[in-house]
Structure formats: structure tokens, C-alpha cells
Amino acid sequence: MAGLAAIFALALIAPAAAEDVKAGDLVITQAWTRATPNGAKIGGGYLTIENKGTTPDRLVSGTADVAGKVEVHEMSMDNGVMKMRALDKGLAIEPGKTVKLAPGGYHLMMFDLKNPLKQGDKVPVTLEFEKAGKVSVSLDVQPVGAQAPGGDHSGHGDHSGHMDMKKM
């Protein structure tokens, strides 16, 4: 029983999480994507960008070995109709602000996937910013249908491995 308690404690203090990436005044956190089924040709990328500086920057585009093309997109509702469009001029990251790329809003769109994205893998992506330049990040692949990194909304990592003590 003590061994189980130790494993449980380690799961609490060492959740798997994407590393923070700093690029000039920008800090990129919570970089993730969803697993895709075999044969899927598109995937989404999500992350949070904080501008700690005094000048704006702009996420212009991206590249990934796993995809033929990576674009910055916006999803929005217009009179009850969901619309998605590429942001041809990129996504502004204003000074002192945080921009979240998440399902249902801004996101990276990866086209022409060469392989399925498998849960537990890391997908290297290079983001291109107007001022910060090229920045390498790694997207943690979460389960199909995940709404947030780690499968929860609390920001405390993946708790899916926790034991249900009531069943013991």
C-alpha cells in the first residue's frame, strides 16, 4: 500500500506538461494538440502566448515536419454558424497581454498530415513571429476530444491517472 501511495504522490507533484518557451519578450506555454485518427489530414495546435514586453508582436505562421502546411486560424460564431478563417496578417500579441490559442477560437491549423498524431507523443512545430522570429515549440499530443492540455481546465496537469480510492 505504501508503494501505491508513493506513486500517487509522484503523480500529484510531477504532472506531464509542455515546457515554457521564451522568445524575446514572449513566453509560450501549454503547447498541445489532439491525437488524430489514421488517415486524418488535418490537426489543430493550441498554446498560450504572453507578451511581457512593451511592443506588440505578431504570430505570422508556422511549419512542422509532420504537416505540409501550418496556418494561424480563427474560429468564430456568426449568426449561429461556426466559421473558420486563416488570419492572413497573423495574430497580434499586444504588450502586457496573453493570447490563448484553444479549441473554438484562435488555433494553429496543420494541413496535409504525413502521419497520425498519437497520444503521448510530442510534435515539434516552428512558430514564426514578426519580431521574435522563429521559435521552436513542442506540442504535447492529448487524447482525441481533449479541450485543454492535460485533459482538464484547472491548469494542474493530467490527473487522468489518479486512482479512484472508492473502488479499492
C-alpha atoms as a PDB file:
ATOM      1  CA  MET A   1       0.000   0.000   0.000  1.00  0.00           C
ATOM      2  CA  ALA A   2       2.888   2.377   0.781  1.00  0.00           C
ATOM      3  CA  GLY A   3       4.224   1.850  -2.746  1.00  0.00           C
ATOM      4  CA  LEU A   4       0.868   2.844  -4.222  1.00  0.00           C
ATOM      5  CA  ALA A   5       0.799   5.954  -2.032  1.00  0.00           C
ATOM      6  CA  ALA A   6       4.271   6.943  -3.254  1.00  0.00           C
ATOM      7  CA  ILE A   7       3.251   6.516  -6.908  1.00  0.00           C
ATOM      8  CA  PHE A   8       0.091   8.524  -6.258  1.00  0.00           C
ATOM      9  CA  ALA A   9       2.116  11.316  -4.591  1.00  0.00           C
ATOM     10  CA  LEU A  10       4.562  11.444  -7.518  1.00  0.00           C
ATOM     11  CA  ALA A  11       1.672  11.775  -9.958  1.00  0.00           C
ATOM     12  CA  LEU A  12       0.462  14.794  -7.985  1.00  0.00           C
ATOM     13  CA  ILE A  13       3.782  16.618  -7.851  1.00  0.00           C
ATOM     14  CA  ALA A  14       5.164  15.757 -11.296  1.00  0.00           C
ATOM     15  CA  PRO A  15       2.400  16.162 -13.874  1.00  0.00           C
ATOM     16  CA  ALA A  16       3.487  15.887 -17.501  1.00  0.00           C
ATOM     17  CA  ALA A  17       3.431  19.357 -19.036  1.00  0.00           C
ATOM     18  CA  ALA A  18       4.851  21.158 -22.039  1.00  0.00           C
ATOM     19  CA  GLU A  19       7.911  23.255 -21.275  1.00  0.00           C
ATOM     20  CA  ASP A  20       7.681  27.038 -21.258  1.00  0.00           C
ATOM     21  CA  VAL A  21       9.492  28.594 -24.213  1.00  0.00           C
ATOM     22  CA  LYS A  22      10.862  32.144 -24.060  1.00  0.00           C
ATOM     23  CA  ALA A  23      11.491  34.133 -27.248  1.00  0.00           C
ATOM     24  CA  GLY A  24      12.453  37.749 -26.655  1.00  0.00           C
ATOM     25  CA  ASP A  25       9.569  39.272 -24.678  1.00  0.00           C
ATOM     26  CA  LEU A  26       7.245  36.355 -25.491  1.00  0.00           C
ATOM     27  CA  VAL A  27       6.578  33.383 -23.213  1.00  0.00           C
ATOM     28  CA  ILE A  28       4.853  30.383 -24.814  1.00  0.00           C
ATOM     29  CA  THR A  29       3.180  27.849 -22.514  1.00  0.00           C
ATOM     30  CA  GLN A  30       0.674  24.980 -22.629  1.00  0.00           C
ATOM     31  CA  ALA A  31       1.517  23.890 -26.193  1.00  0.00           C
ATOM     32  CA  TRP A  32      -0.621  20.901 -27.151  1.00  0.00           C
ATOM     33  CA  THR A  33      -2.601  19.165 -29.862  1.00  0.00           C
ATOM     34  CA  ARG A  34      -5.139  16.355 -30.093  1.00  0.00           C
ATOM     35  CA  ALA A  35      -4.489  12.821 -31.287  1.00  0.00           C
ATOM     36  CA  THR A  36      -5.848  12.192 -34.788  1.00  0.00           C
ATOM     37  CA  PRO A  37      -7.332   9.026 -36.278  1.00  0.00           C
ATOM     38  CA  ASN A  38      -5.479   7.145 -39.020  1.00  0.00           C
ATOM     39  CA  GLY A  39      -5.993   8.861 -42.360  1.00  0.00           C
ATOM     40  CA  ALA A  40      -6.745  12.302 -40.880  1.00  0.00           C
ATOM     41  CA  LYS A  41      -5.194  15.049 -42.984  1.00  0.00           C
ATOM     42  CA  ILE A  42      -5.651  17.997 -40.606  1.00  0.00           C
ATOM     43  CA  GLY A  43      -4.895  18.715 -36.958  1.00  0.00           C
ATOM     44  CA  GLY A  44      -5.077  21.678 -34.607  1.00  0.00           C
ATOM     45  CA  GLY A  45      -2.396  23.211 -32.427  1.00  0.00           C
ATOM     46  CA  TYR A  46      -3.066  25.123 -29.215  1.00  0.00           C
ATOM     47  CA  LEU A  47      -0.879  27.210 -26.920  1.00  0.00           C
ATOM     48  CA  THR A  48      -0.735  30.337 -24.796  1.00  0.00           C
ATOM     49  CA  ILE A  49       1.456  33.325 -25.724  1.00  0.00           C
ATOM     50  CA  GLU A  50       2.210  36.055 -23.186  1.00  0.00           C
ATOM     51  CA  ASN A  51       3.885  39.306 -24.280  1.00  0.00           C
ATOM     52  CA  LYS A  52       5.908  40.589 -21.303  1.00  0.00           C
ATOM     53  CA  GLY A  53       7.419  43.431 -23.334  1.00  0.00           C
ATOM     54  CA  THR A  54       6.366  46.948 -24.299  1.00  0.00           C
ATOM     55  CA  THR A  55       5.977  46.438 -28.055  1.00  0.00           C
ATOM     56  CA  PRO A  56       3.450  44.322 -29.963  1.00  0.00           C
ATOM     57  CA  ASP A  57       4.448  41.223 -31.877  1.00  0.00           C
ATOM     58  CA  ARG A  58       2.514  39.071 -34.301  1.00  0.00           C
ATOM     59  CA  LEU A  59       2.296  35.286 -34.812  1.00  0.00           C
ATOM     60  CA  VAL A  60       2.523  35.110 -38.597  1.00  0.00           C
ATOM     61  CA  SER A  61       2.823  31.409 -39.470  1.00  0.00           C
ATOM     62  CA  GLY A  62       4.362  28.086 -38.588  1.00  0.00           C
ATOM     63  CA  THR A  63       5.959  24.967 -40.001  1.00  0.00           C
ATOM     64  CA  ALA A  64       6.068  21.337 -38.864  1.00  0.00           C
ATOM     65  CA  ASP A  65       7.763  18.265 -40.315  1.00  0.00           C
ATOM     66  CA  VAL A  66       4.550  16.306 -39.673  1.00  0.00           C
ATOM     67  CA  ALA A  67       2.433  18.690 -41.825  1.00  0.00           C
ATOM     68  CA  GLY A  68       2.600  20.063 -45.343  1.00  0.00           C
ATOM     69  CA  LYS A  69       1.432  23.499 -44.155  1.00  0.00           C
ATOM     70  CA  VAL A  70       0.698  25.279 -40.841  1.00  0.00           C
ATOM     71  CA  GLU A  71      -1.555  28.362 -40.720  1.00  0.00           C
ATOM     72  CA  VAL A  72      -2.878  30.609 -37.968  1.00  0.00           C
ATOM     73  CA  HIS A  73      -6.697  30.388 -37.902  1.00  0.00           C
ATOM     74  CA  GLU A  74      -9.647  31.880 -36.075  1.00  0.00           C
ATOM     75  CA  MET A  75     -12.903  30.067 -35.377  1.00  0.00           C
ATOM     76  CA  SER A  76     -15.932  32.219 -34.574  1.00  0.00           C
ATOM     77  CA  MET A  77     -19.719  32.145 -34.483  1.00  0.00           C
ATOM     78  CA  ASP A  78     -21.652  34.342 -36.909  1.00  0.00           C
ATOM     79  CA  ASN A  79     -25.468  34.247 -36.531  1.00  0.00           C
ATOM     80  CA  GLY A  80     -25.270  30.732 -35.119  1.00  0.00           C
ATOM     81  CA  VAL A  81     -22.933  29.491 -37.873  1.00  0.00           C
ATOM     82  CA  MET A  82     -19.409  28.417 -36.980  1.00  0.00           C
ATOM     83  CA  LYS A  83     -16.857  29.974 -39.322  1.00  0.00           C
ATOM     84  CA  MET A  84     -13.154  29.334 -39.653  1.00  0.00           C
ATOM     85  CA  ARG A  85     -10.714  31.566 -41.485  1.00  0.00           C
ATOM     86  CA  ALA A  86      -6.984  31.936 -41.920  1.00  0.00           C
ATOM     87  CA  LEU A  87      -5.521  35.080 -40.370  1.00  0.00           C
ATOM     88  CA  ASP A  88      -3.562  36.267 -43.404  1.00  0.00           C
ATOM     89  CA  LYS A  89      -1.929  39.104 -41.435  1.00  0.00           C
ATOM     90  CA  GLY A  90      -1.247  36.881 -38.426  1.00  0.00           C
ATOM     91  CA  LEU A  91      -2.367  37.168 -34.824  1.00  0.00           C
ATOM     92  CA  ALA A  92      -1.403  40.271 -32.825  1.00  0.00           C
ATOM     93  CA  ILE A  93       0.161  39.721 -29.399  1.00  0.00           C
ATOM     94  CA  GLU A  94      -0.173  43.108 -27.684  1.00  0.00           C
ATOM     95  CA  PRO A  95       2.292  44.189 -24.951  1.00  0.00           C
ATOM     96  CA  GLY A  96       1.273  43.094 -21.461  1.00  0.00           C
ATOM     97  CA  LYS A  97      -1.409  40.755 -22.879  1.00  0.00           C
ATOM     98  CA  THR A  98      -1.847  36.997 -23.080  1.00  0.00           C
ATOM     99  CA  VAL A  99      -3.385  35.349 -26.142  1.00  0.00           C
ATOM    100  CA  LYS A 100      -4.714  31.814 -25.822  1.00  0.00           C
ATOM    101  CA  LEU A 101      -4.972  29.536 -28.860  1.00  0.00           C
ATOM    102  CA  ALA A 102      -7.619  26.977 -27.859  1.00  0.00           C
ATOM    103  CA  PRO A 103     -10.406  24.852 -29.346  1.00  0.00           C
ATOM    104  CA  GLY A 104     -13.238  27.066 -30.615  1.00  0.00           C
ATOM    105  CA  GLY A 105     -11.062  30.186 -31.017  1.00  0.00           C
ATOM    106  CA  TYR A 106      -7.628  31.030 -32.376  1.00  0.00           C
ATOM    107  CA  HIS A 107      -5.559  27.957 -33.265  1.00  0.00           C
ATOM    108  CA  LEU A 108      -2.840  26.566 -35.490  1.00  0.00           C
ATOM    109  CA  MET A 109      -4.202  24.541 -38.396  1.00  0.00           C
ATOM    110  CA  MET A 110      -1.888  21.762 -39.583  1.00  0.00           C
ATOM    111  CA  PHE A 111      -2.727  20.609 -43.131  1.00  0.00           C
ATOM    112  CA  ASP A 112      -1.642  17.513 -45.065  1.00  0.00           C
ATOM    113  CA  LEU A 113      -0.575  15.497 -42.005  1.00  0.00           C
ATOM    114  CA  LYS A 114       2.021  12.913 -43.014  1.00  0.00           C
ATOM    115  CA  ASN A 115       1.296  10.650 -40.004  1.00  0.00           C
ATOM    116  CA  PRO A 116      -1.436  10.413 -37.371  1.00  0.00           C
ATOM    117  CA  LEU A 117      -0.751  12.351 -34.179  1.00  0.00           C
ATOM    118  CA  LYS A 118      -0.535   9.745 -31.401  1.00  0.00           C
ATOM    119  CA  GLN A 119      -1.478  10.397 -27.769  1.00  0.00           C
ATOM    120  CA  GLY A 120       1.646  10.780 -25.617  1.00  0.00           C
ATOM    121  CA  ASP A 121       3.878  11.923 -28.498  1.00  0.00           C
ATOM    122  CA  LYS A 122       5.420  15.363 -28.881  1.00  0.00           C
ATOM    123  CA  VAL A 123       5.042  17.225 -32.179  1.00  0.00           C
ATOM    124  CA  PRO A 124       7.817  19.741 -32.957  1.00  0.00           C
ATOM    125  CA  VAL A 125       6.497  22.960 -34.533  1.00  0.00           C
ATOM    126  CA  THR A 126       8.359  26.123 -35.522  1.00  0.00           C
ATOM    127  CA  LEU A 127       6.329  29.288 -34.988  1.00  0.00           C
ATOM    128  CA  GLU A 128       7.200  32.438 -36.917  1.00  0.00           C
ATOM    129  CA  PHE A 129       6.736  35.795 -35.210  1.00  0.00           C
ATOM    130  CA  GLU A 130       7.131  39.194 -36.843  1.00  0.00           C
ATOM    131  CA  LYS A 131       9.659  40.405 -34.225  1.00  0.00           C
ATOM    132  CA  ALA A 132      10.690  37.369 -32.147  1.00  0.00           C
ATOM    133  CA  GLY A 133      11.451  35.407 -35.344  1.00  0.00           C
ATOM    134  CA  LYS A 134      11.381  31.609 -35.499  1.00  0.00           C
ATOM    135  CA  VAL A 135      10.596  29.811 -32.252  1.00  0.00           C
ATOM    136  CA  SER A 136      10.616  26.031 -31.755  1.00  0.00           C
ATOM    137  CA  VAL A 137       7.919  24.537 -29.541  1.00  0.00           C
ATOM    138  CA  SER A 138       6.761  21.000 -28.888  1.00  0.00           C
ATOM    139  CA  LEU A 139       3.036  20.193 -28.879  1.00  0.00           C
ATOM    140  CA  ASP A 140       2.072  17.507 -26.349  1.00  0.00           C
ATOM    141  CA  VAL A 141      -0.422  15.132 -28.012  1.00  0.00           C
ATOM    142  CA  GLN A 142      -3.519  14.768 -25.799  1.00  0.00           C
ATOM    143  CA  PRO A 143      -6.434  12.323 -26.265  1.00  0.00           C
ATOM    144  CA  VAL A 144      -8.913  12.782 -29.126  1.00  0.00           C
ATOM    145  CA  GLY A 145     -11.546  15.311 -27.995  1.00  0.00           C
ATOM    146  CA  ALA A 146      -9.395  16.931 -25.268  1.00  0.00           C
ATOM    147  CA  GLN A 147     -10.450  20.510 -24.512  1.00  0.00           C
ATOM    148  CA  ALA A 148      -7.325  21.579 -22.619  1.00  0.00           C
ATOM    149  CA  PRO A 149      -3.735  20.434 -22.065  1.00  0.00           C
ATOM    150  CA  GLY A 150      -3.659  17.533 -19.640  1.00  0.00           C
ATOM    151  CA  GLY A 151      -7.347  16.832 -20.263  1.00  0.00           C
ATOM    152  CA  ASP A 152      -8.603  19.317 -17.666  1.00  0.00           C
ATOM    153  CA  HIS A 153      -9.322  23.023 -17.284  1.00  0.00           C
ATOM    154  CA  SER A 154      -7.555  23.617 -13.971  1.00  0.00           C
ATOM    155  CA  GLY A 155      -4.032  24.036 -15.322  1.00  0.00           C
ATOM    156  CA  HIS A 156      -2.756  21.420 -12.836  1.00  0.00           C
ATOM    157  CA  GLY A 157      -1.693  18.867 -15.418  1.00  0.00           C
ATOM    158  CA  ASP A 158      -3.017  15.431 -16.243  1.00  0.00           C
ATOM    159  CA  HIS A 159      -4.935  13.842 -13.407  1.00  0.00           C
ATOM    160  CA  SER A 160      -6.431  11.057 -15.507  1.00  0.00           C
ATOM    161  CA  GLY A 161      -4.047   8.516 -13.975  1.00  0.00           C
ATOM    162  CA  HIS A 162      -5.256   9.062 -10.427  1.00  0.00           C
ATOM    163  CA  MET A 163      -6.736   6.093  -8.652  1.00  0.00           C
ATOM    164  CA  ASP A 164     -10.358   6.109  -7.650  1.00  0.00           C
ATOM    165  CA  MET A 165      -9.938   5.275  -3.957  1.00  0.00           C
ATOM    166  CA  LYS A 166     -13.607   4.310  -3.563  1.00  0.00           C
ATOM    167  CA  LYS A 167     -13.132   1.229  -5.745  1.00  0.00           C
ATOM    168  CA  MET A 168     -10.326  -0.263  -3.624  1.00  0.00           C
END
